[in-house]
Each structure stands twice: as structure tokens, then as C-alpha cells.
Protein backbone atom coordinates (compact mmCIF):
# COMPACT_ATOMS: atom_id res chain seq x y z
CA MET A 1 -0.11 -0.09 -0.24
CA SER A 2 2.90 2.30 0.36
CA VAL A 3 2.97 2.60 -3.47
CA LEU A 4 -0.35 3.83 -3.53
CA ASN A 5 0.56 6.37 -0.75
CA THR A 6 3.17 7.47 -3.16
CA VAL A 7 1.53 7.73 -6.21
CA LEU A 8 -1.50 9.78 -4.48
CA THR A 9 1.20 11.97 -3.08
CA VAL A 10 2.53 13.03 -6.52
CA VAL A 11 -0.35 13.47 -7.98
CA PHE A 12 -1.55 15.54 -4.92
CA ILE A 13 1.83 17.86 -5.17
CA ILE A 14 1.00 17.93 -8.96
CA LEU A 15 -2.73 18.71 -8.90
CA SER A 16 -1.55 21.95 -6.45
CA ILE A 17 0.70 23.00 -8.72
CA VAL A 18 -1.56 22.84 -11.65
CA ILE A 19 -4.23 24.17 -9.65
CA THR A 20 -2.66 27.55 -8.39
CA VAL A 21 -0.78 28.16 -12.42
CA VAL A 22 -5.10 27.59 -14.02
CA ILE A 23 -5.69 30.24 -10.75
CA LEU A 24 -3.21 33.10 -11.96
CA MET A 25 -4.11 32.70 -15.92
CA GLN A 26 -7.65 33.58 -14.47
CA GLU A 27 -8.83 37.22 -14.55
CA GLY A 28 -9.88 39.50 -11.71
CA LYS A 29 -13.62 39.67 -11.42
CA SER A 30 -13.22 43.25 -10.98
CA ALA A 31 -14.83 45.28 -13.95
CA GLY A 32 -12.81 48.29 -13.81
CA LEU A 33 -14.33 51.68 -15.43
CA GLY A 34 -15.30 49.92 -18.64
CA ALA A 35 -18.88 48.53 -15.82
CA ILE A 36 -19.75 52.46 -15.42
CA ALA A 37 -19.47 52.80 -19.68
CA GLY A 38 -21.65 49.81 -20.17
CA ALA A 39 -18.86 48.03 -21.72
CA ALA A 40 -19.43 44.86 -19.63
CA ASP A 41 -22.39 44.03 -21.67
CA THR A 42 -20.17 42.24 -24.88
CA TYR A 43 -20.71 39.51 -25.84
CA TRP A 44 -17.93 37.72 -24.46
CA GLY A 45 -19.47 38.96 -21.02
CA LYS A 46 -23.14 37.00 -22.01
CA ASN A 47 -21.12 33.88 -23.12
CA LYS A 48 -18.57 33.27 -20.53
CA GLY A 49 -19.31 30.01 -19.89
CA ARG A 50 -18.03 29.25 -23.35
CA SER A 51 -14.99 31.53 -23.29
CA MET A 52 -11.60 30.05 -22.46
CA GLU A 53 -12.78 32.56 -19.12
CA GLY A 54 -15.43 29.79 -18.26
CA MET A 55 -13.21 26.29 -18.83
CA LEU A 56 -10.69 28.09 -16.23
CA VAL A 57 -12.94 28.33 -13.80
CA LYS A 58 -15.17 25.31 -14.83
CA LEU A 59 -11.04 23.45 -14.46
CA THR A 60 -10.64 25.26 -10.94
CA ARG A 61 -13.61 23.60 -9.73
CA VAL A 62 -12.78 20.50 -11.16
CA GLY A 63 -9.43 20.95 -9.82
CA VAL A 64 -10.00 21.96 -6.12
CA LEU A 65 -13.03 19.20 -6.28
CA LEU A 66 -10.23 16.35 -6.91
CA PHE A 67 -7.35 18.26 -4.10
CA LEU A 68 -9.94 17.92 -1.85
CA VAL A 69 -10.83 14.45 -2.51
CA ILE A 70 -7.03 13.35 -2.45
CA ALA A 71 -6.28 15.36 0.84
CA MET A 72 -8.87 13.47 2.48
CA VAL A 73 -7.89 9.69 1.62
CA LEU A 74 -4.35 11.03 2.79
CA ASN A 75 -5.61 12.54 5.71
CA LEU A 76 -7.30 8.78 6.39
CA GLY A 77 -3.82 7.20 7.42
CA ILE A 78 -4.75 4.11 6.45
CA TRP A 79 -2.16 3.79 3.62
């Protein structure tokens, strides 16, 4: 079972690096001065779920969920 613990630890470390990179690639949530003039209602603003930003948000959610599950499994200490 030590092999499984080692594999999960390596996946855990790689996943933490990937989550960090994905979060740093995302844009800030502040709209800035463009929201005052109404520039936030563009095509890309309305279809954020289909854009690169939407994909990064989904990838972050899945990555964090996997991170938490692996952290709990590693913390059980049964390996």
C-alpha cells in the first residue's frame, strides 16, 4: 500500500501546481471603469461559460474537488 500512498502524493503535488497555474491565469472579477459605461454587456461577457475564462473556472472547480478528495484520502492514514 505504500506504492499507492506515493502515487497519490505525487498526484496531489502535481494537482496543487496545476490549480495554482489555472487560478493565476484567470482574470480578476473587478469590472473596472468599463462597467460604468456599459461595456460589460459584450458578447464575451454574456457567453463567459463558453469562453476560455469559463473553461478555466470549470477546471478550477474540478481541480479543487479532486484536491480535497485526495487530501482526505491521504489524511485517513490507512495506507
